[in-house]
Amino acid sequence: MVIAPASLALLATGAAGAALLRRSWQRRDGMALALVAAGWGLPAIALALAIQAFGPVKGMALALAMQAIGALGVVWQGRVQRKAARPRAGEAAPEPLEQPGRVWRGVLRALLAGPLGMVAALAVALCVAVYLPGDPRTRIVLSGLLMPVLWGLAMTWTLADRRLLRALAVLVGTSLLGLGIAALGGAA
């Protein structure tokens, strides 16, 4: 079992997939769809080959880790460094949004990000606890560890999204769908 050459090959497939996806974002013609398919297909095929060569657990872990590192290399290579704008005398820092802030939007945003984001994260964590194969104790621990991460992601996305109705719809939909799916799995 030779892991070092396989690791380099998986690193290259992750970088190639990310490069193809980046190229597809720059194109606006019919070739963009083919580049997207190739950008996702190449790492998927490499993942399947790694699973076949090293087994399901070791192959998937190796493939996902190395392909992610390769993709991050492409992202790092394409970064843009900008010079900081010099503030003028007497000028405050620019606001992130062009509109003036409203108190009711801040309160609604906090309610969406806090309690409703927690319910959505709990719903997804319950689905993980119900449907993940393995020992029930392991599933409970993994879903418990996943819960704060999902809540943080829900909060970050909700606070960054400018459209409150879209955030409300996604969080309510995720909560209802996740709790419904978890209830169906628990009843079976």
N, C-alpha and C. Protein backbone atom coordinates (compact mmCIF):
# COMPACT_ATOMS: atom_id res chain seq x y z
N MET A 1 0.84 -1.17 0.00
CA MET A 1 0.00 0.00 0.00
C MET A 1 0.89 1.24 0.00
N VAL A 2 0.91 1.96 -1.10
CA VAL A 2 1.75 3.15 -1.24
C VAL A 2 0.84 4.37 -1.19
N ILE A 3 0.94 5.10 -0.07
CA ILE A 3 0.03 6.22 0.13
C ILE A 3 0.62 7.52 -0.41
N ALA A 4 1.94 7.70 -0.39
CA ALA A 4 2.54 8.97 -0.80
C ALA A 4 2.23 9.32 -2.26
N PRO A 5 2.44 8.42 -3.24
CA PRO A 5 2.07 8.80 -4.61
C PRO A 5 0.57 9.02 -4.77
N ALA A 6 -0.23 8.24 -4.05
CA ALA A 6 -1.68 8.44 -4.13
C ALA A 6 -2.06 9.80 -3.54
N SER A 7 -1.38 10.21 -2.48
CA SER A 7 -1.67 11.51 -1.88
C SER A 7 -1.36 12.64 -2.85
N LEU A 8 -0.24 12.52 -3.55
CA LEU A 8 0.11 13.54 -4.53
C LEU A 8 -0.88 13.56 -5.68
N ALA A 9 -1.33 12.38 -6.12
CA ALA A 9 -2.31 12.32 -7.20
C ALA A 9 -3.64 12.93 -6.75
N LEU A 10 -4.04 12.66 -5.51
CA LEU A 10 -5.28 13.24 -5.00
C LEU A 10 -5.16 14.75 -4.81
N LEU A 11 -3.99 15.21 -4.40
CA LEU A 11 -3.72 16.63 -4.29
C LEU A 11 -3.88 17.29 -5.66
N ALA A 12 -3.33 16.64 -6.69
CA ALA A 12 -3.41 17.18 -8.04
C ALA A 12 -4.85 17.18 -8.56
N THR A 13 -5.62 16.13 -8.25
CA THR A 13 -7.01 16.13 -8.73
C THR A 13 -7.85 17.21 -8.03
N GLY A 14 -7.58 17.46 -6.76
CA GLY A 14 -8.29 18.54 -6.08
C GLY A 14 -7.95 19.89 -6.68
N ALA A 15 -6.67 20.10 -6.97
CA ALA A 15 -6.25 21.37 -7.58
C ALA A 15 -6.82 21.50 -9.00
N ALA A 16 -6.80 20.41 -9.76
CA ALA A 16 -7.33 20.47 -11.12
C ALA A 16 -8.83 20.71 -11.12
N GLY A 17 -9.55 20.07 -10.21
CA GLY A 17 -10.99 20.30 -10.12
C GLY A 17 -11.31 21.73 -9.76
N ALA A 18 -10.58 22.29 -8.80
CA ALA A 18 -10.80 23.69 -8.41
C ALA A 18 -10.44 24.64 -9.54
N ALA A 19 -9.38 24.33 -10.28
CA ALA A 19 -9.00 25.18 -11.41
C ALA A 19 -10.07 25.14 -12.51
N LEU A 20 -10.63 23.96 -12.75
CA LEU A 20 -11.70 23.86 -13.74
C LEU A 20 -12.94 24.63 -13.29
N LEU A 21 -13.27 24.55 -12.01
CA LEU A 21 -14.42 25.30 -11.51
C LEU A 21 -14.17 26.81 -11.59
N ARG A 22 -12.97 27.24 -11.27
CA ARG A 22 -12.65 28.66 -11.38
C ARG A 22 -12.75 29.13 -12.83
N ARG A 23 -12.28 28.32 -13.75
CA ARG A 23 -12.36 28.67 -15.17
C ARG A 23 -13.83 28.74 -15.61
N SER A 24 -14.67 27.85 -15.06
CA SER A 24 -16.09 27.87 -15.45
C SER A 24 -16.78 29.14 -14.96
N TRP A 25 -16.35 29.68 -13.83
CA TRP A 25 -16.95 30.91 -13.33
C TRP A 25 -16.58 32.10 -14.19
N GLN A 26 -15.45 32.03 -14.88
CA GLN A 26 -15.00 33.13 -15.71
C GLN A 26 -15.65 33.11 -17.09
N ARG A 27 -16.20 31.98 -17.48
CA ARG A 27 -16.80 31.86 -18.81
C ARG A 27 -18.30 32.07 -18.71
N ARG A 28 -18.87 32.58 -19.78
CA ARG A 28 -20.31 32.82 -19.83
C ARG A 28 -20.95 32.12 -21.03
N ASP A 29 -20.28 31.18 -21.62
CA ASP A 29 -20.83 30.51 -22.79
C ASP A 29 -21.23 29.08 -22.43
N GLY A 30 -21.52 28.26 -23.42
CA GLY A 30 -21.96 26.89 -23.20
C GLY A 30 -20.87 25.99 -22.63
N MET A 31 -19.63 26.41 -22.72
CA MET A 31 -18.52 25.61 -22.21
C MET A 31 -18.47 25.60 -20.68
N ALA A 32 -19.12 26.56 -20.05
CA ALA A 32 -19.07 26.66 -18.59
C ALA A 32 -19.69 25.44 -17.93
N LEU A 33 -20.78 24.92 -18.48
CA LEU A 33 -21.43 23.75 -17.90
C LEU A 33 -20.53 22.51 -17.98
N ALA A 34 -19.83 22.35 -19.09
CA ALA A 34 -18.90 21.23 -19.23
C ALA A 34 -17.74 21.37 -18.25
N LEU A 35 -17.28 22.58 -18.02
CA LEU A 35 -16.20 22.79 -17.06
C LEU A 35 -16.66 22.51 -15.63
N VAL A 36 -17.90 22.86 -15.31
CA VAL A 36 -18.44 22.55 -13.98
C VAL A 36 -18.53 21.04 -13.80
N ALA A 37 -19.03 20.35 -14.82
CA ALA A 37 -19.13 18.89 -14.72
C ALA A 37 -17.76 18.25 -14.57
N ALA A 38 -16.78 18.73 -15.32
CA ALA A 38 -15.42 18.19 -15.20
C ALA A 38 -14.80 18.56 -13.86
N GLY A 39 -15.08 19.77 -13.38
CA GLY A 39 -14.52 20.23 -12.10
C GLY A 39 -15.03 19.42 -10.92
N TRP A 40 -16.25 18.92 -10.99
CA TRP A 40 -16.77 18.07 -9.91
C TRP A 40 -16.54 16.60 -10.21
N GLY A 41 -16.52 16.23 -11.48
CA GLY A 41 -16.37 14.83 -11.85
C GLY A 41 -14.99 14.27 -11.59
N LEU A 42 -13.96 15.05 -11.86
CA LEU A 42 -12.59 14.60 -11.67
C LEU A 42 -12.31 14.25 -10.20
N PRO A 43 -12.62 15.11 -9.24
CA PRO A 43 -12.41 14.72 -7.84
C PRO A 43 -13.32 13.56 -7.40
N ALA A 44 -14.52 13.47 -7.95
CA ALA A 44 -15.42 12.37 -7.58
C ALA A 44 -14.87 11.03 -8.05
N ILE A 45 -14.32 11.00 -9.25
CA ILE A 45 -13.71 9.76 -9.77
C ILE A 45 -12.49 9.39 -8.93
N ALA A 46 -11.67 10.39 -8.61
CA ALA A 46 -10.49 10.13 -7.77
C ALA A 46 -10.90 9.65 -6.39
N LEU A 47 -11.99 10.18 -5.84
CA LEU A 47 -12.50 9.72 -4.55
C LEU A 47 -12.93 8.26 -4.63
N ALA A 48 -13.63 7.90 -5.70
CA ALA A 48 -14.06 6.51 -5.87
C ALA A 48 -12.87 5.57 -6.01
N LEU A 49 -11.84 5.99 -6.73
CA LEU A 49 -10.65 5.16 -6.88
C LEU A 49 -9.89 5.02 -5.56
N ALA A 50 -9.84 6.09 -4.77
CA ALA A 50 -9.17 6.02 -3.47
C ALA A 50 -9.93 5.10 -2.52
N ILE A 51 -11.25 5.15 -2.57
CA ILE A 51 -12.05 4.25 -1.73
C ILE A 51 -11.81 2.80 -2.14
N GLN A 52 -11.73 2.57 -3.43
CA GLN A 52 -11.50 1.21 -3.91
C GLN A 52 -10.08 0.74 -3.55
N ALA A 53 -9.10 1.62 -3.60
CA ALA A 53 -7.71 1.21 -3.35
C ALA A 53 -7.40 1.06 -1.86
N PHE A 54 -7.93 1.96 -1.01
CA PHE A 54 -7.53 1.98 0.39
C PHE A 54 -8.64 1.60 1.37
N GLY A 55 -9.81 1.32 0.86
CA GLY A 55 -10.93 0.99 1.75
C GLY A 55 -11.81 2.21 1.95
N PRO A 56 -13.01 1.99 2.45
CA PRO A 56 -13.95 3.11 2.53
C PRO A 56 -13.56 4.21 3.52
N VAL A 57 -13.01 3.85 4.66
CA VAL A 57 -12.70 4.86 5.66
C VAL A 57 -11.40 5.58 5.33
N LYS A 58 -10.34 4.82 5.16
CA LYS A 58 -9.03 5.43 4.90
C LYS A 58 -9.01 6.12 3.53
N GLY A 59 -9.62 5.51 2.53
CA GLY A 59 -9.64 6.11 1.20
C GLY A 59 -10.40 7.41 1.15
N MET A 60 -11.56 7.45 1.81
CA MET A 60 -12.35 8.68 1.80
C MET A 60 -11.65 9.78 2.59
N ALA A 61 -11.08 9.44 3.74
CA ALA A 61 -10.38 10.45 4.54
C ALA A 61 -9.18 11.01 3.78
N LEU A 62 -8.42 10.13 3.16
CA LEU A 62 -7.25 10.57 2.40
C LEU A 62 -7.66 11.44 1.22
N ALA A 63 -8.67 10.98 0.49
CA ALA A 63 -9.09 11.72 -0.70
C ALA A 63 -9.65 13.09 -0.33
N LEU A 64 -10.52 13.15 0.65
CA LEU A 64 -11.13 14.43 1.00
C LEU A 64 -10.10 15.41 1.54
N ALA A 65 -9.17 14.92 2.36
CA ALA A 65 -8.16 15.82 2.92
C ALA A 65 -7.21 16.34 1.84
N MET A 66 -6.71 15.46 1.01
CA MET A 66 -5.73 15.88 0.00
C MET A 66 -6.38 16.73 -1.09
N GLN A 67 -7.60 16.39 -1.49
CA GLN A 67 -8.26 17.20 -2.51
C GLN A 67 -8.60 18.59 -1.97
N ALA A 68 -8.95 18.66 -0.71
CA ALA A 68 -9.23 19.97 -0.12
C ALA A 68 -7.97 20.82 -0.06
N ILE A 69 -6.85 20.22 0.25
CA ILE A 69 -5.59 20.97 0.28
C ILE A 69 -5.23 21.46 -1.12
N GLY A 70 -5.42 20.60 -2.11
CA GLY A 70 -5.16 21.01 -3.50
C GLY A 70 -6.06 22.15 -3.94
N ALA A 71 -7.34 22.08 -3.58
CA ALA A 71 -8.28 23.14 -3.93
C ALA A 71 -7.93 24.44 -3.21
N LEU A 72 -7.52 24.35 -1.94
CA LEU A 72 -7.11 25.55 -1.22
C LEU A 72 -5.87 26.18 -1.84
N GLY A 73 -5.00 25.34 -2.40
CA GLY A 73 -3.84 25.89 -3.10
C GLY A 73 -4.24 26.72 -4.30
N VAL A 74 -5.24 26.28 -5.03
CA VAL A 74 -5.73 27.05 -6.18
C VAL A 74 -6.37 28.35 -5.71
N VAL A 75 -7.13 28.29 -4.65
CA VAL A 75 -7.76 29.49 -4.11
C VAL A 75 -6.68 30.46 -3.63
N TRP A 76 -5.67 29.95 -2.95
CA TRP A 76 -4.59 30.79 -2.44
C TRP A 76 -3.81 31.43 -3.59
N GLN A 77 -3.60 30.68 -4.64
CA GLN A 77 -2.86 31.20 -5.79
C GLN A 77 -3.63 32.34 -6.47
N GLY A 78 -4.95 32.31 -6.43
CA GLY A 78 -5.75 33.32 -7.11
C GLY A 78 -6.16 34.49 -6.24
N ARG A 79 -5.60 34.59 -5.05
CA ARG A 79 -6.00 35.67 -4.16
C ARG A 79 -5.56 37.02 -4.73
N VAL A 80 -6.26 38.03 -4.32
CA VAL A 80 -5.98 39.39 -4.77
C VAL A 80 -5.65 40.22 -3.55
N GLN A 81 -4.51 40.87 -3.59
CA GLN A 81 -4.15 41.75 -2.48
C GLN A 81 -4.43 43.18 -2.91
N ARG A 82 -5.14 43.86 -2.07
CA ARG A 82 -5.50 45.24 -2.38
C ARG A 82 -4.88 46.17 -1.36
N LYS A 83 -4.56 47.32 -1.81
CA LYS A 83 -4.03 48.31 -0.89
C LYS A 83 -5.18 48.91 -0.12
N ALA A 84 -4.96 49.14 1.14
CA ALA A 84 -5.99 49.73 1.98
C ALA A 84 -6.19 51.19 1.60
N ALA A 85 -7.43 51.59 1.50
CA ALA A 85 -7.72 52.98 1.18
C ALA A 85 -7.38 53.85 2.39
N ARG A 86 -6.76 54.93 2.10
CA ARG A 86 -6.38 55.84 3.19
C ARG A 86 -7.59 56.68 3.57
N PRO A 87 -7.92 56.69 4.85
CA PRO A 87 -9.05 57.52 5.27
C PRO A 87 -8.67 59.00 5.20
N ARG A 88 -9.63 59.79 4.81
CA ARG A 88 -9.39 61.24 4.76
C ARG A 88 -9.53 61.82 6.15
N ALA A 89 -9.03 62.96 6.33
CA ALA A 89 -9.07 63.60 7.65
C ALA A 89 -10.52 63.84 8.06
N GLY A 90 -10.88 63.40 9.26
CA GLY A 90 -12.22 63.60 9.78
C GLY A 90 -13.25 62.62 9.24
N GLU A 91 -12.83 61.64 8.47
CA GLU A 91 -13.76 60.68 7.88
C GLU A 91 -13.77 59.40 8.71
N ALA A 92 -14.94 58.91 8.99
CA ALA A 92 -15.08 57.67 9.75
C ALA A 92 -14.94 56.48 8.82
N ALA A 93 -14.83 55.32 9.40
CA ALA A 93 -14.73 54.09 8.60
C ALA A 93 -16.02 53.89 7.82
N PRO A 94 -15.94 53.37 6.60
CA PRO A 94 -17.16 53.17 5.81
C PRO A 94 -18.01 52.06 6.40
N GLU A 95 -19.31 52.21 6.27
CA GLU A 95 -20.26 51.22 6.76
C GLU A 95 -20.31 50.04 5.78
N PRO A 96 -20.56 48.83 6.29
CA PRO A 96 -20.64 47.69 5.39
C PRO A 96 -21.84 47.75 4.46
N LEU A 97 -22.93 48.33 4.91
CA LEU A 97 -24.11 48.48 4.07
C LEU A 97 -24.30 49.94 3.73
N GLU A 98 -24.82 50.18 2.55
CA GLU A 98 -25.02 51.56 2.12
C GLU A 98 -26.21 52.20 2.83
N GLN A 99 -27.18 51.40 3.22
CA GLN A 99 -28.37 51.94 3.87
C GLN A 99 -28.10 52.23 5.34
N PRO A 100 -28.80 53.20 5.89
CA PRO A 100 -28.65 53.42 7.34
C PRO A 100 -29.28 52.26 8.09
N GLY A 101 -28.68 51.91 9.22
CA GLY A 101 -29.17 50.79 10.02
C GLY A 101 -30.48 51.13 10.72
N ARG A 102 -31.31 50.13 10.89
CA ARG A 102 -32.58 50.29 11.59
C ARG A 102 -32.59 49.33 12.77
N VAL A 103 -33.14 49.78 13.87
CA VAL A 103 -33.14 48.98 15.08
C VAL A 103 -33.97 47.72 14.91
N TRP A 104 -35.13 47.83 14.29
CA TRP A 104 -36.00 46.66 14.15
C TRP A 104 -35.36 45.59 13.29
N ARG A 105 -34.56 45.99 12.28
CA ARG A 105 -33.87 44.99 11.45
C ARG A 105 -32.79 44.28 12.27
N GLY A 106 -32.12 45.00 13.15
CA GLY A 106 -31.12 44.37 14.00
C GLY A 106 -31.72 43.39 14.98
N VAL A 107 -32.87 43.77 15.56
CA VAL A 107 -33.54 42.87 16.49
C VAL A 107 -34.04 41.63 15.77
N LEU A 108 -34.66 41.82 14.60
CA LEU A 108 -35.14 40.68 13.83
C LEU A 108 -33.99 39.79 13.37
N ARG A 109 -32.90 40.39 12.98
CA ARG A 109 -31.72 39.62 12.57
C ARG A 109 -31.17 38.80 13.73
N ALA A 110 -31.15 39.39 14.93
CA ALA A 110 -30.67 38.66 16.11
C ALA A 110 -31.61 37.51 16.47
N LEU A 111 -32.92 37.72 16.32
CA LEU A 111 -33.87 36.64 16.59
C LEU A 111 -33.74 35.51 15.56
N LEU A 112 -33.50 35.88 14.32
CA LEU A 112 -33.32 34.86 13.29
C LEU A 112 -32.03 34.08 13.53
N ALA A 113 -30.96 34.78 13.83
CA ALA A 113 -29.67 34.11 13.98
C ALA A 113 -29.59 33.30 15.26
N GLY A 114 -30.18 33.78 16.32
CA GLY A 114 -30.08 33.10 17.61
C GLY A 114 -31.02 31.91 17.73
N PRO A 115 -32.26 32.15 18.17
CA PRO A 115 -33.15 31.01 18.43
C PRO A 115 -33.53 30.21 17.19
N LEU A 116 -33.86 30.89 16.09
CA LEU A 116 -34.28 30.14 14.90
C LEU A 116 -33.10 29.42 14.26
N GLY A 117 -31.93 30.02 14.29
CA GLY A 117 -30.73 29.32 13.79
C GLY A 117 -30.41 28.11 14.63
N MET A 118 -30.64 28.21 15.95
CA MET A 118 -30.40 27.06 16.81
C MET A 118 -31.38 25.93 16.51
N VAL A 119 -32.63 26.26 16.27
CA VAL A 119 -33.62 25.22 15.96
C VAL A 119 -33.27 24.54 14.63
N ALA A 120 -32.84 25.31 13.64
CA ALA A 120 -32.45 24.71 12.35
C ALA A 120 -31.23 23.81 12.53
N ALA A 121 -30.26 24.25 13.31
CA ALA A 121 -29.07 23.42 13.56
C ALA A 121 -29.43 22.17 14.33
N LEU A 122 -30.33 22.29 15.29
CA LEU A 122 -30.79 21.13 16.05
C LEU A 122 -31.50 20.14 15.15
N ALA A 123 -32.30 20.63 14.21
CA ALA A 123 -33.01 19.74 13.29
C ALA A 123 -32.04 18.93 12.44
N VAL A 124 -31.01 19.58 11.93
CA VAL A 124 -30.03 18.86 11.11
C VAL A 124 -29.23 17.89 11.98
N ALA A 125 -28.88 18.30 13.20
CA ALA A 125 -28.15 17.41 14.10
C ALA A 125 -28.99 16.20 14.49
N LEU A 126 -30.28 16.39 14.65
CA LEU A 126 -31.16 15.25 14.93
C LEU A 126 -31.22 14.29 13.75
N CYS A 127 -31.24 14.82 12.55
CA CYS A 127 -31.20 13.94 11.36
C CYS A 127 -29.91 13.12 11.35
N VAL A 128 -28.81 13.74 11.72
CA VAL A 128 -27.55 13.01 11.78
C VAL A 128 -27.63 11.92 12.85
N ALA A 129 -28.20 12.25 13.99
CA ALA A 129 -28.30 11.27 15.08
C ALA A 129 -29.22 10.11 14.70
N VAL A 130 -30.24 10.36 13.91
CA VAL A 130 -31.20 9.31 13.56
C VAL A 130 -30.68 8.44 12.42
N TYR A 131 -30.09 9.06 11.40
CA TYR A 131 -29.78 8.33 10.17
C TYR A 131 -28.33 7.88 10.02
N LEU A 132 -27.42 8.40 10.80
CA LEU A 132 -26.02 8.00 10.67
C LEU A 132 -25.86 6.55 11.10
N PRO A 133 -25.19 5.73 10.30
CA PRO A 133 -25.03 4.33 10.71
C PRO A 133 -24.01 4.22 11.85
N GLY A 134 -24.16 3.19 12.63
CA GLY A 134 -23.21 2.94 13.71
C GLY A 134 -23.89 2.84 15.06
N ASP A 135 -23.07 2.83 16.08
CA ASP A 135 -23.53 2.71 17.45
C ASP A 135 -24.34 3.95 17.84
N PRO A 136 -25.46 3.78 18.54
CA PRO A 136 -26.27 4.94 18.92
C PRO A 136 -25.52 5.96 19.78
N ARG A 137 -24.63 5.50 20.63
CA ARG A 137 -23.87 6.45 21.47
C ARG A 137 -22.96 7.32 20.62
N THR A 138 -22.35 6.72 19.60
CA THR A 138 -21.48 7.48 18.71
C THR A 138 -22.29 8.50 17.91
N ARG A 139 -23.46 8.11 17.46
CA ARG A 139 -24.31 9.03 16.70
C ARG A 139 -24.74 10.21 17.56
N ILE A 140 -25.05 9.96 18.82
CA ILE A 140 -25.48 11.04 19.71
C ILE A 140 -24.32 12.01 19.97
N VAL A 141 -23.13 11.46 20.21
CA VAL A 141 -21.97 12.31 20.47
C VAL A 141 -21.63 13.14 19.23
N LEU A 142 -21.64 12.51 18.05
CA LEU A 142 -21.32 13.24 16.83
C LEU A 142 -22.35 14.33 16.54
N SER A 143 -23.62 14.03 16.74
CA SER A 143 -24.62 15.07 16.50
C SER A 143 -24.51 16.18 17.54
N GLY A 144 -24.13 15.84 18.78
CA GLY A 144 -23.92 16.87 19.79
C GLY A 144 -22.73 17.76 19.48
N LEU A 145 -21.68 17.18 18.90
CA LEU A 145 -20.53 17.99 18.50
C LEU A 145 -20.81 18.80 17.24
N LEU A 146 -21.69 18.29 16.40
CA LEU A 146 -22.03 18.98 15.15
C LEU A 146 -22.97 20.16 15.40
N MET A 147 -23.77 20.08 16.43
CA MET A 147 -24.79 21.09 16.70
C MET A 147 -24.23 22.52 16.83
N PRO A 148 -23.20 22.79 17.65
CA PRO A 148 -22.70 24.18 17.73
C PRO A 148 -22.06 24.66 16.42
N VAL A 149 -21.46 23.75 15.68
CA VAL A 149 -20.86 24.13 14.40
C VAL A 149 -21.96 24.56 13.43
N LEU A 150 -23.02 23.78 13.35
CA LEU A 150 -24.14 24.12 12.48
C LEU A 150 -24.82 25.41 12.93
N TRP A 151 -24.94 25.60 14.22
CA TRP A 151 -25.54 26.83 14.73
C TRP A 151 -24.68 28.04 14.36
N GLY A 152 -23.37 27.90 14.49
CA GLY A 152 -22.48 28.99 14.10
C GLY A 152 -22.58 29.30 12.62
N LEU A 153 -22.68 28.27 11.79
CA LEU A 153 -22.85 28.50 10.35
C LEU A 153 -24.17 29.19 10.05
N ALA A 154 -25.25 28.75 10.72
CA ALA A 154 -26.55 29.38 10.52
C ALA A 154 -26.53 30.84 10.96
N MET A 155 -25.87 31.12 12.08
CA MET A 155 -25.79 32.50 12.56
C MET A 155 -24.98 33.37 11.61
N THR A 156 -23.85 32.85 11.15
CA THR A 156 -23.00 33.62 10.25
C THR A 156 -23.73 33.93 8.96
N TRP A 157 -24.39 32.93 8.40
CA TRP A 157 -25.10 33.15 7.15
C TRP A 157 -26.25 34.13 7.34
N THR A 158 -27.00 34.00 8.43
CA THR A 158 -28.14 34.87 8.67
C THR A 158 -27.70 36.32 8.87
N LEU A 159 -26.63 36.51 9.60
CA LEU A 159 -26.15 37.88 9.85
C LEU A 159 -25.51 38.50 8.61
N ALA A 160 -25.01 37.68 7.71
CA ALA A 160 -24.38 38.22 6.51
C ALA A 160 -25.38 38.46 5.38
N ASP A 161 -26.53 37.80 5.43
CA ASP A 161 -27.51 37.93 4.36
C ASP A 161 -28.30 39.23 4.54
N ARG A 162 -28.43 39.99 3.48
CA ARG A 162 -29.14 41.26 3.56
C ARG A 162 -30.65 41.08 3.50
N ARG A 163 -31.11 39.98 2.93
CA ARG A 163 -32.55 39.76 2.77
C ARG A 163 -33.07 38.94 3.94
N LEU A 164 -33.85 39.57 4.77
CA LEU A 164 -34.34 38.91 5.97
C LEU A 164 -35.39 37.85 5.67
N LEU A 165 -36.22 38.08 4.67
CA LEU A 165 -37.24 37.09 4.34
C LEU A 165 -36.62 35.81 3.81
N ARG A 166 -35.56 35.93 3.04
CA ARG A 166 -34.88 34.73 2.54
C ARG A 166 -34.27 33.96 3.70
N ALA A 167 -33.64 34.66 4.64
CA ALA A 167 -33.06 33.99 5.80
C ALA A 167 -34.16 33.32 6.63
N LEU A 168 -35.28 34.00 6.80
CA LEU A 168 -36.40 33.41 7.54
C LEU A 168 -36.92 32.16 6.84
N ALA A 169 -37.09 32.23 5.53
CA ALA A 169 -37.62 31.08 4.79
C ALA A 169 -36.68 29.89 4.85
N VAL A 170 -35.39 30.13 4.72
CA VAL A 170 -34.43 29.03 4.74
C VAL A 170 -34.36 28.40 6.13
N LEU A 171 -34.32 29.22 7.17
CA LEU A 171 -34.22 28.67 8.52
C LEU A 171 -35.50 27.93 8.93
N VAL A 172 -36.66 28.48 8.60
CA VAL A 172 -37.91 27.80 8.93
C VAL A 172 -38.04 26.52 8.11
N GLY A 173 -37.70 26.59 6.83
CA GLY A 173 -37.76 25.39 5.99
C GLY A 173 -36.81 24.30 6.46
N THR A 174 -35.60 24.68 6.82
CA THR A 174 -34.64 23.71 7.33
C THR A 174 -35.12 23.10 8.64
N SER A 175 -35.69 23.93 9.50
CA SER A 175 -36.20 23.41 10.78
C SER A 175 -37.33 22.42 10.58
N LEU A 176 -38.32 22.80 9.78
CA LEU A 176 -39.46 21.92 9.57
C LEU A 176 -39.07 20.64 8.84
N LEU A 177 -38.26 20.78 7.80
CA LEU A 177 -37.85 19.61 7.04
C LEU A 177 -36.97 18.68 7.89
N GLY A 178 -36.03 19.25 8.60
CA GLY A 178 -35.13 18.43 9.42
C GLY A 178 -35.86 17.71 10.54
N LEU A 179 -36.75 18.43 11.24
CA LEU A 179 -37.49 17.80 12.33
C LEU A 179 -38.46 16.75 11.79
N GLY A 180 -39.06 17.02 10.62
CA GLY A 180 -39.95 16.04 10.01
C GLY A 180 -39.23 14.79 9.58
N ILE A 181 -38.08 14.95 8.96
CA ILE A 181 -37.29 13.79 8.52
C ILE A 181 -36.79 13.00 9.73
N ALA A 182 -36.35 13.70 10.77
CA ALA A 182 -35.88 13.01 11.98
C ALA A 182 -37.04 12.26 12.65
N ALA A 183 -38.24 12.84 12.65
CA ALA A 183 -39.40 12.16 13.25
C ALA A 183 -39.77 10.93 12.44
N LEU A 184 -39.67 11.02 11.12
CA LEU A 184 -39.95 9.85 10.29
C LEU A 184 -38.96 8.73 10.54
N GLY A 185 -37.70 9.09 10.72
CA GLY A 185 -36.67 8.08 10.98
C GLY A 185 -36.82 7.46 12.36
N GLY A 186 -37.28 8.26 13.32
CA GLY A 186 -37.48 7.72 14.67
C GLY A 186 -38.70 6.83 14.77
N ALA A 187 -39.67 7.06 13.89
CA ALA A 187 -40.89 6.25 13.93
C ALA A 187 -40.70 4.90 13.26
N ALA A 188 -39.71 4.82 12.38
CA ALA A 188 -39.51 3.56 11.63
C ALA A 188 -38.82 2.50 12.44
